[in-house]
Amino acid sequence: MTAVEMSPKLVGSDPPPRRMPLFGLGKALRKHPFPTIPPQAYQAPVLKVPTPGGQRFYVVSDPAGVKRILLDHVANYPKTERERRFFSAMFGDGLLSTDGDMWRAHRRTMAPSFSPPSVASYAPAMAACAEAFRQRWDQAPEGAEIDVAEAMTDLTLQIIARTMFSTDGADVAGVVRGTMEKAMEQLDFNILDILPVIGEHRFKARERRIEAIFAEMDGAIARMIAERQADAEGGPQDLLARLIAARDGETGEGMSPKEIRDQVVTIFLAGHETTAATMCWLWYLLSQHPQVEARLHVELDQVLGGRTPGHEDLAQLPYARMVVDEALRVYPAAPGLSTRMALEADEICGVKIPKGAMIAVAPWIQHRHEALWDDPGRFDPERFAPGVERPRFAYMPFGGGPKVCIGAQLAVTETLLILATLAQGYSLALRPGHEVEILQKITMRPRGGLPMILRRRRR
């Protein structure tokens, strides 16, 4: 039997409920990130979804329709004011929260720091962190149980601290981790948050709490920026140094310390939280598909032979890349993009969109759409074999259009280096009897961690 034929039932592979649950919504969310979106959204190009408050709400899944929203007519579909305010409270004026001229200027300024040569320059630090982490696993007894969610969070924090700040990052990582965990708790909304007067009062209180949560982290970042600016020539040439030195190619202007802080906080989420989540789902998927894992091990053994991978090795690991791409399809780290609002009436794939309507584009739905993928609930890396074509905007783990994630290549590189380093020495098995569930905030993680059994490979 092939790995595809023996594919098990994965969390989230069942279709969502046919009707929005009146009770037990929290339980439904543990199995599916969008239980209130009807299953027709996974079949129709555009679907109007009924909402409790009567808001005109549409889910767009056709690639041409998504292209219209995110690229062709992007100015007509800004983020909603509520989402913009929330992201601004979390990330200041980072790329996730800004639009218009400010976003374009910052994107131009930051682009060189995420160019292919820049990403390649970060790879040695990433691989060194992964190798040091693997040595920690080497000290554990055979069959030890570990929480993979906790482990991948630790590792990706070390990597982002090393690549951004040129430090092993124990102090920085601790501050960042505490800040992010508390900030994510502010994503717990309920019905009171959408009421006209009470909702605004609650939102302002949430904004004040977020500001207080980030105070310690902001202080640490401000000190590092000041130290680098005082010794621009003698300091390390890491990502922080690149952001401080960066200049807009059109205006020649650099970013202020506040603007640098906002981008640093944004990069921490995009460069740490999403990669940690992706690695969790990768280990889970490999544990459920032993033949895929076996083929991955063969490639790693043949190309690397037990040594630490470098950036130059990644081109020689096509199957590893296929596995990562398919994992990002099945479990995109960010399953939904920001909700958009139609500034003016429009037509998408023959459906009239009224002015003021809310528009949802969700990678989770795109990646499971029955018109775009054969048996979409199945894990099959062969979907991404060289030469296999698919419509643009059918696959969008890092978003799409002008605002596609600036760190997409950095994230893929980091994921591949971690996977290649750790999977050479270890195979992980899900703890018997553990039921994997979904926890969605901005990113999507296994709820309550991911307990797995550490098994050394015998080559």
Protein backbone atom coordinates (compact mmCIF):
# COMPACT_ATOMS: atom_id res chain seq x y z
CA MET A 1 0.00 0.00 0.00
CA THR A 2 1.18 3.53 -0.66
CA ALA A 3 1.36 6.26 1.94
CA VAL A 4 -1.57 7.94 0.22
CA GLU A 5 -3.73 4.81 0.29
CA MET A 6 -3.13 4.27 4.00
CA SER A 7 -3.63 7.94 4.89
CA PRO A 8 -5.28 8.15 8.32
CA LYS A 9 -8.01 10.48 9.46
CA LEU A 10 -6.31 13.75 10.38
CA VAL A 11 -7.61 16.40 12.73
CA GLY A 12 -9.55 18.92 10.65
CA SER A 13 -10.04 16.57 7.70
CA ASP A 14 -13.74 16.13 8.41
CA PRO A 15 -16.04 18.70 6.74
CA PRO A 16 -17.35 21.46 9.00
CA PRO A 17 -20.83 21.12 10.53
CA ARG A 18 -23.69 21.66 8.11
CA ARG A 19 -25.26 24.18 10.45
CA MET A 20 -23.66 26.68 12.77
CA PRO A 21 -23.74 25.08 16.23
CA LEU A 22 -25.83 27.02 18.74
CA PHE A 23 -24.06 25.34 21.63
CA GLY A 24 -20.67 23.70 21.91
CA LEU A 25 -18.94 26.04 19.47
CA GLY A 26 -15.75 25.80 21.54
CA LYS A 27 -15.75 22.04 21.12
CA ALA A 28 -16.31 22.38 17.36
CA LEU A 29 -13.34 24.76 17.15
CA ARG A 30 -11.09 22.02 18.49
CA LYS A 31 -11.65 20.00 15.35
CA HIS A 32 -12.03 22.70 12.74
CA PRO A 33 -10.86 26.35 12.64
CA PHE A 34 -14.00 27.57 10.82
CA PRO A 35 -16.98 25.50 12.07
CA THR A 36 -19.39 28.36 11.36
CA ILE A 37 -18.51 28.41 7.65
CA PRO A 38 -20.82 25.89 5.90
CA PRO A 39 -19.33 23.07 3.80
CA GLN A 40 -20.66 24.67 0.60
CA ALA A 41 -17.77 27.14 0.89
CA TYR A 42 -15.44 24.25 0.00
CA GLN A 43 -17.36 23.68 -3.24
CA ALA A 44 -18.57 27.09 -4.45
CA PRO A 45 -16.39 29.87 -5.92
CA VAL A 46 -18.19 32.52 -3.84
CA LEU A 47 -20.60 31.82 -1.01
CA LYS A 48 -22.78 34.23 0.95
CA VAL A 49 -22.74 33.10 4.56
CA PRO A 50 -25.60 33.96 6.94
CA THR A 51 -24.49 35.65 10.15
CA PRO A 52 -26.35 36.09 13.46
CA GLY A 53 -26.33 39.89 13.11
CA GLY A 54 -27.42 39.90 9.48
CA GLN A 55 -24.06 41.22 8.24
CA ARG A 56 -23.47 40.64 4.52
CA PHE A 57 -20.57 38.19 4.61
CA TYR A 58 -18.99 36.35 1.67
CA VAL A 59 -16.34 33.64 1.47
CA VAL A 60 -14.36 33.80 -1.78
CA SER A 61 -12.48 30.65 -2.83
CA ASP A 62 -12.16 30.81 -6.61
CA PRO A 63 -8.53 31.70 -7.48
CA ALA A 64 -9.67 34.37 -9.95
CA GLY A 65 -11.89 35.90 -7.28
CA VAL A 66 -9.10 35.81 -4.72
CA LYS A 67 -6.79 37.49 -7.24
CA ARG A 68 -9.36 40.26 -7.71
CA ILE A 69 -9.49 40.91 -3.96
CA LEU A 70 -5.78 40.62 -3.14
CA LEU A 71 -4.24 41.97 -6.34
CA ASP A 72 -6.35 43.44 -9.13
CA HIS A 73 -8.76 45.49 -6.99
CA VAL A 74 -6.88 45.41 -3.69
CA ALA A 75 -7.65 49.10 -2.95
CA ASN A 76 -11.37 48.28 -2.83
CA TYR A 77 -10.87 45.61 -0.17
CA PRO A 78 -8.99 46.99 2.86
CA LYS A 79 -8.88 45.23 6.20
CA THR A 80 -11.78 46.01 8.50
CA GLU A 81 -11.22 48.84 10.97
CA ARG A 82 -11.53 46.47 13.94
CA GLU A 83 -8.83 44.14 12.63
CA ARG A 84 -6.57 47.04 11.70
CA ARG A 85 -6.88 48.42 15.21
CA PHE A 86 -6.15 45.07 16.79
CA PHE A 87 -3.03 44.47 14.67
CA SER A 88 -1.91 48.03 15.35
CA ALA A 89 -2.23 47.44 19.09
CA MET A 90 -0.17 44.25 18.78
CA PHE A 91 2.43 45.28 16.21
CA GLY A 92 2.32 49.07 15.98
CA ASP A 93 2.94 50.24 12.43
CA GLY A 94 4.42 46.96 11.21
CA LEU A 95 3.72 45.42 7.82
CA LEU A 96 0.75 43.48 9.23
CA SER A 97 -1.11 46.59 10.37
CA THR A 98 -0.32 49.35 7.83
CA ASP A 99 -1.64 50.18 4.38
CA GLY A 100 -1.03 52.76 1.69
CA ASP A 101 2.13 54.82 1.37
CA MET A 102 3.51 53.87 4.79
CA TRP A 103 3.24 50.15 4.00
CA ARG A 104 4.84 50.60 0.57
CA ALA A 105 7.73 52.63 1.99
CA HIS A 106 8.43 50.12 4.76
CA ARG A 107 8.14 47.19 2.38
CA ARG A 108 10.68 48.75 0.00
CA THR A 109 13.01 49.54 2.89
CA MET A 110 12.85 46.03 4.34
CA ALA A 111 12.93 44.03 1.10
CA PRO A 112 16.77 43.77 0.87
CA SER A 113 16.89 42.18 4.34
CA PHE A 114 14.76 39.31 3.02
CA SER A 115 16.39 38.89 -0.40
CA PRO A 116 17.75 35.44 -1.38
CA PRO A 117 21.37 36.45 -0.52
CA SER A 118 20.24 37.76 2.86
CA VAL A 119 18.25 34.60 3.61
CA ALA A 120 21.30 32.49 2.67
CA SER A 121 23.42 34.53 5.09
CA TYR A 122 21.08 33.66 7.97
CA ALA A 123 21.18 29.91 7.22
CA PRO A 124 24.41 29.04 9.11
CA ALA A 125 23.03 30.46 12.36
CA MET A 126 19.74 28.60 11.82
CA ALA A 127 21.50 25.30 11.17
CA ALA A 128 23.81 25.79 14.17
CA CYS A 129 20.83 26.34 16.47
CA ALA A 130 19.10 23.23 15.09
CA GLU A 131 22.25 21.15 15.54
CA ALA A 132 22.70 22.33 19.14
CA PHE A 133 19.06 21.47 19.79
CA ARG A 134 19.53 18.01 18.30
CA GLN A 135 22.39 17.44 20.76
CA ARG A 136 19.96 18.15 23.59
CA TRP A 137 17.75 15.37 22.28
CA ASP A 138 20.83 13.15 22.17
CA GLN A 139 21.02 13.42 25.98
CA ALA A 140 17.45 12.18 26.44
CA PRO A 141 16.82 8.47 27.03
CA GLU A 142 15.39 6.32 24.24
CA GLY A 143 11.61 6.51 24.27
CA ALA A 144 11.49 9.77 26.21
CA GLU A 145 8.27 11.73 25.90
CA ILE A 146 8.57 15.36 24.85
CA ASP A 147 6.09 18.11 24.15
CA VAL A 148 6.94 18.91 20.54
CA ALA A 149 4.98 22.17 20.65
CA GLU A 150 7.12 23.35 23.57
CA ALA A 151 10.32 22.08 21.93
CA MET A 152 9.70 23.77 18.58
CA THR A 153 8.81 27.02 20.33
CA ASP A 154 12.13 26.91 22.20
CA LEU A 155 14.09 26.15 19.05
CA THR A 156 12.50 28.79 16.83
CA LEU A 157 12.92 31.41 19.55
CA GLN A 158 16.62 30.59 19.70
CA ILE A 159 16.88 30.86 15.93
CA ILE A 160 15.12 34.21 15.66
CA ALA A 161 17.19 35.59 18.58
CA ARG A 162 20.41 34.47 16.89
CA THR A 163 19.53 35.70 13.39
CA MET A 164 17.94 38.96 14.50
CA PHE A 165 20.08 39.92 17.50
CA SER A 166 23.25 37.78 17.17
CA THR A 167 22.71 36.39 20.65
CA ASP A 168 21.98 32.95 22.04
CA GLY A 169 18.95 34.77 23.30
CA ALA A 170 18.14 33.15 26.63
CA ASP A 171 17.11 36.50 28.13
CA VAL A 172 15.58 37.90 24.95
CA ALA A 173 13.75 34.65 24.17
CA GLY A 174 12.25 34.54 27.65
CA VAL A 175 10.92 38.09 27.38
CA VAL A 176 9.57 37.49 23.88
CA ARG A 177 7.92 34.22 24.82
CA GLY A 178 6.18 35.65 27.84
CA THR A 179 5.02 38.67 25.86
CA MET A 180 3.66 36.63 22.95
CA GLU A 181 1.85 34.16 25.19
CA LYS A 182 0.11 36.95 27.12
CA ALA A 183 -0.67 38.86 23.92
CA MET A 184 -2.26 35.78 22.33
CA GLU A 185 -4.62 35.54 25.29
CA GLN A 186 -6.09 38.85 24.15
CA LEU A 187 -7.48 37.05 21.09
CA ASP A 188 -10.23 35.41 23.14
CA PHE A 189 -13.33 37.27 21.93
CA ASN A 190 -16.98 36.61 22.81
CA ILE A 191 -20.42 37.88 21.90
CA LEU A 192 -20.03 41.01 24.08
CA ASP A 193 -17.20 42.23 21.83
CA ILE A 194 -19.54 42.85 18.88
CA LEU A 195 -22.19 44.84 20.79
CA PRO A 196 -22.25 48.54 19.77
CA VAL A 197 -21.32 50.31 23.04
CA ILE A 198 -20.02 47.52 25.26
CA GLY A 199 -17.90 46.13 22.43
CA GLU A 200 -16.01 49.41 21.94
CA HIS A 201 -15.42 49.76 25.68
CA ARG A 202 -14.06 46.21 25.86
CA PHE A 203 -11.85 46.77 22.81
CA LYS A 204 -10.26 49.90 24.28
CA ALA A 205 -9.56 48.00 27.49
CA ARG A 206 -7.95 45.23 25.42
CA GLU A 207 -5.75 47.81 23.66
CA ARG A 208 -4.55 49.11 27.05
CA ARG A 209 -3.75 45.58 28.22
CA ILE A 210 -1.77 44.85 25.07
CA GLU A 211 0.27 48.03 25.50
CA ALA A 212 1.14 46.99 29.07
CA ILE A 213 1.99 43.44 27.97
CA PHE A 214 4.53 44.68 25.41
CA ALA A 215 6.22 47.19 27.76
CA GLU A 216 9.08 44.92 28.87
CA MET A 217 9.77 43.64 25.37
CA ASP A 218 9.66 47.18 23.98
CA GLY A 219 12.26 48.27 26.54
CA ALA A 220 14.61 45.42 25.61
CA ILE A 221 14.31 46.16 21.88
CA ALA A 222 14.83 49.91 22.43
CA ARG A 223 18.05 49.23 24.34
CA MET A 224 19.40 46.98 21.59
CA ILE A 225 18.55 49.51 18.88
CA ALA A 226 20.29 52.29 20.84
CA GLU A 227 23.39 50.14 21.37
CA ARG A 228 23.59 49.28 17.67
CA GLN A 229 23.14 52.88 16.58
CA ALA A 230 25.94 53.92 18.94
CA ASP A 231 28.31 51.34 17.38
CA ALA A 232 27.10 50.95 13.81
CA GLU A 233 30.52 49.89 12.48
CA GLY A 234 31.58 47.46 15.20
CA GLY A 235 28.28 45.67 15.82
CA PRO A 236 27.23 42.35 14.27
CA GLN A 237 25.65 42.38 10.83
CA ASP A 238 22.44 40.60 11.72
CA LEU A 239 18.82 41.32 10.82
CA LEU A 240 18.52 44.12 13.36
CA ALA A 241 21.60 45.81 11.92
CA ARG A 242 20.15 45.49 8.43
CA LEU A 243 16.88 47.12 9.50
CA ILE A 244 18.72 49.99 11.21
CA ALA A 245 20.90 50.59 8.14
CA ALA A 246 18.11 50.07 5.58
CA ARG A 247 17.10 52.97 3.37
CA ASP A 248 14.10 53.40 1.09
CA GLY A 249 15.35 53.01 -2.48
CA GLU A 250 13.09 55.85 -3.66
CA THR A 251 13.39 58.43 -0.87
CA GLY A 252 16.67 57.46 0.81
CA GLU A 253 14.96 57.63 4.21
CA GLY A 254 15.55 55.12 6.97
CA MET A 255 13.20 53.92 9.70
CA SER A 256 12.86 55.55 13.11
CA PRO A 257 13.52 53.51 16.29
CA LYS A 258 9.72 53.22 16.76
CA GLU A 259 9.29 51.94 13.20
CA ILE A 260 12.15 49.47 13.65
CA ARG A 261 10.54 48.24 16.88
CA ASP A 262 7.22 47.68 15.11
CA GLN A 263 8.86 45.67 12.33
CA VAL A 264 10.90 43.64 14.85
CA VAL A 265 7.75 42.65 16.75
CA THR A 266 6.05 41.71 13.47
CA ILE A 267 9.04 39.62 12.36
CA PHE A 268 9.08 37.83 15.71
CA LEU A 269 5.53 36.61 15.11
CA ALA A 270 6.08 35.76 11.44
CA GLY A 271 9.57 34.32 11.96
CA HIS A 272 8.99 32.42 15.17
CA GLU A 273 5.36 31.62 15.89
CA THR A 274 4.43 30.49 12.39
CA THR A 275 7.55 28.32 11.96
CA ALA A 276 7.04 26.72 15.37
CA ALA A 277 3.44 25.89 14.42
CA THR A 278 4.50 24.48 11.04
CA MET A 279 7.11 22.24 12.67
CA CYS A 280 4.48 20.88 15.08
CA TRP A 281 2.18 19.89 12.26
CA LEU A 282 5.09 18.42 10.27
CA TRP A 283 6.04 16.06 13.10
CA TYR A 284 2.39 15.09 13.54
CA LEU A 285 1.91 14.38 9.84
CA LEU A 286 5.12 12.36 9.57
CA SER A 287 4.09 10.28 12.58
CA GLN A 288 0.83 9.40 10.82
CA HIS A 289 2.43 8.64 7.43
CA PRO A 290 5.38 6.28 7.95
CA GLN A 291 6.01 5.70 4.24
CA VAL A 292 6.32 9.44 3.61
CA GLU A 293 8.70 9.65 6.55
CA ALA A 294 10.72 6.69 5.26
CA ARG A 295 11.15 8.32 1.85
CA LEU A 296 12.20 11.56 3.53
CA HIS A 297 14.80 9.68 5.58
CA VAL A 298 16.24 8.06 2.45
CA GLU A 299 16.72 11.45 0.81
CA LEU A 300 18.28 12.98 3.92
CA ASP A 301 20.68 10.06 4.33
CA GLN A 302 21.74 10.12 0.69
CA VAL A 303 22.32 13.89 0.52
CA LEU A 304 23.59 14.69 4.00
CA GLY A 305 24.91 11.44 5.43
CA GLY A 306 24.42 12.64 8.99
CA ARG A 307 26.09 16.06 8.69
CA THR A 308 24.47 19.39 9.49
CA PRO A 309 22.73 20.80 6.39
CA GLY A 310 23.72 24.10 4.82
CA HIS A 311 21.76 26.45 2.61
CA GLU A 312 23.46 24.98 -0.47
CA ASP A 313 22.04 21.53 0.39
CA LEU A 314 18.40 22.57 0.24
CA ALA A 315 18.23 22.45 -3.56
CA GLN A 316 19.26 18.79 -3.31
CA LEU A 317 16.35 17.95 -1.01
CA PRO A 318 13.32 18.15 -3.33
CA TYR A 319 11.24 15.60 -1.44
CA ALA A 320 11.80 17.42 1.85
CA ARG A 321 10.51 20.57 0.18
CA MET A 322 7.47 18.66 -1.14
CA VAL A 323 6.72 17.43 2.40
CA VAL A 324 6.96 20.96 3.80
CA ASP A 325 4.77 22.41 1.04
CA GLU A 326 2.10 19.76 1.58
CA ALA A 327 2.19 20.26 5.36
CA LEU A 328 1.61 23.98 4.76
CA ARG A 329 -1.36 23.08 2.57
CA VAL A 330 -2.97 20.77 5.12
CA TYR A 331 -2.15 22.94 8.13
CA PRO A 332 -1.38 26.52 7.06
CA ALA A 333 0.13 28.29 10.06
CA ALA A 334 -2.28 31.19 9.53
CA PRO A 335 -5.52 29.51 8.35
CA GLY A 336 -7.35 32.76 7.65
CA LEU A 337 -6.37 36.14 6.22
CA SER A 338 -7.72 39.40 7.57
CA THR A 339 -11.39 40.01 6.81
CA ARG A 340 -11.83 42.64 4.10
CA MET A 341 -14.60 45.18 3.54
CA ALA A 342 -15.85 46.23 0.11
CA LEU A 343 -15.53 50.02 -0.14
CA GLU A 344 -17.64 50.03 -3.29
CA ALA A 345 -20.02 47.53 -4.88
CA ASP A 346 -18.27 44.96 -7.04
CA GLU A 347 -18.80 41.66 -8.82
CA ILE A 348 -16.69 38.58 -8.08
CA CYS A 349 -17.07 35.47 -10.22
CA GLY A 350 -20.55 36.59 -11.28
CA VAL A 351 -21.71 37.30 -7.70
CA LYS A 352 -22.78 40.85 -6.85
CA ILE A 353 -20.88 42.16 -3.83
CA PRO A 354 -22.67 45.11 -2.18
CA LYS A 355 -20.86 48.09 -0.73
CA GLY A 356 -19.91 47.48 2.89
CA ALA A 357 -19.97 43.68 2.61
CA MET A 358 -17.41 41.66 4.57
CA ILE A 359 -15.15 39.37 2.50
CA ALA A 360 -13.23 36.38 3.83
CA VAL A 361 -10.32 34.69 2.06
CA ALA A 362 -8.98 31.73 4.02
CA PRO A 363 -6.01 29.53 3.05
CA TRP A 364 -7.57 26.72 5.08
CA ILE A 365 -10.60 26.77 2.77
CA GLN A 366 -8.54 27.38 -0.38
CA HIS A 367 -6.35 24.40 0.43
CA ARG A 368 -9.34 22.12 0.98
CA HIS A 369 -11.52 23.32 -1.87
CA GLU A 370 -12.92 20.38 -3.82
CA ALA A 371 -12.64 22.19 -7.16
CA LEU A 372 -8.94 22.88 -6.63
CA TRP A 373 -7.58 19.69 -5.06
CA ASP A 374 -8.16 15.98 -5.52
CA ASP A 375 -9.22 14.42 -2.19
CA PRO A 376 -8.10 17.56 -0.31
CA GLY A 377 -8.25 15.98 3.16
CA ARG A 378 -5.45 13.57 2.24
CA PHE A 379 -1.80 14.25 3.00
CA ASP A 380 0.12 13.66 -0.24
CA PRO A 381 3.48 15.40 -0.90
CA GLU A 382 3.32 14.27 -4.55
CA ARG A 383 0.94 17.18 -5.18
CA PHE A 384 4.05 19.34 -5.16
CA ALA A 385 6.26 17.19 -7.36
CA PRO A 386 8.25 19.17 -9.96
CA GLY A 387 6.13 19.95 -13.00
CA VAL A 388 2.76 19.70 -11.24
CA GLU A 389 0.81 22.89 -11.98
CA ARG A 390 -2.02 24.53 -10.07
CA PRO A 391 -3.92 27.81 -10.41
CA ARG A 392 -2.33 30.85 -8.86
CA PHE A 393 -4.04 31.67 -5.55
CA ALA A 394 -5.10 28.06 -5.06
CA TYR A 395 -2.16 27.62 -2.66
CA MET A 396 -1.33 30.54 -0.40
CA PRO A 397 0.21 29.54 2.95
CA PHE A 398 1.89 32.96 3.12
CA GLY A 399 -0.99 35.01 1.76
CA GLY A 400 -0.99 36.54 -1.70
CA GLY A 401 -0.85 39.71 -3.74
CA PRO A 402 1.33 42.71 -2.84
CA LYS A 403 1.06 41.81 0.85
CA VAL A 404 2.35 38.28 0.52
CA CYS A 405 4.55 37.58 3.55
CA ILE A 406 7.92 39.27 3.09
CA GLY A 407 9.57 36.49 5.10
CA ALA A 408 8.11 33.53 3.19
CA GLN A 409 11.46 32.32 1.85
CA LEU A 410 13.08 32.83 5.24
CA ALA A 411 10.37 30.71 6.89
CA VAL A 412 10.68 27.89 4.35
CA THR A 413 14.47 27.89 4.66
CA GLU A 414 14.28 27.72 8.45
CA THR A 415 11.69 24.93 8.34
CA LEU A 416 13.77 22.85 5.91
CA LEU A 417 16.97 23.29 7.94
CA ILE A 418 15.23 22.26 11.18
CA LEU A 419 13.54 19.28 9.54
CA ALA A 420 16.72 18.09 7.80
CA THR A 421 18.79 18.41 10.97
CA LEU A 422 16.42 16.71 13.40
CA ALA A 423 14.83 14.09 11.13
CA GLN A 424 18.24 12.64 10.29
CA GLY A 425 18.58 11.45 13.85
CA TYR A 426 15.03 11.07 15.09
CA SER A 427 11.58 9.76 14.29
CA LEU A 428 8.74 10.91 16.54
CA ALA A 429 5.64 8.92 17.40
CA LEU A 430 2.44 10.42 18.77
CA ARG A 431 1.81 9.38 22.37
CA PRO A 432 -0.67 6.45 22.26
CA GLY A 433 -4.20 7.56 22.97
CA HIS A 434 -3.50 11.29 22.57
CA GLU A 435 -6.19 13.08 20.59
CA VAL A 436 -4.81 15.99 18.60
CA GLU A 437 -7.00 19.09 18.58
CA ILE A 438 -6.72 22.53 17.01
CA LEU A 439 -6.13 25.79 18.82
CA GLN A 440 -6.48 28.83 16.58
CA LYS A 441 -5.43 32.32 17.53
CA ILE A 442 -3.64 34.25 14.78
CA THR A 443 -1.76 31.03 14.06
CA MET A 444 -2.99 27.46 14.42
CA ARG A 445 -1.35 25.13 16.94
CA PRO A 446 -2.12 21.75 18.51
CA ARG A 447 -4.29 22.49 21.55
CA GLY A 448 -2.60 21.65 24.84
CA GLY A 449 0.71 20.77 23.21
CA LEU A 450 1.80 17.75 21.19
CA PRO A 451 3.17 14.87 23.31
CA MET A 452 5.39 12.59 21.22
CA ILE A 453 7.81 9.74 21.85
CA LEU A 454 11.44 10.30 20.88
CA ARG A 455 12.90 7.45 18.81
CA ARG A 456 16.48 7.41 17.59
CA ARG A 457 16.96 6.29 14.05
CA ARG A 458 19.11 3.28 13.30
CA ARG A 459 20.99 3.81 10.06
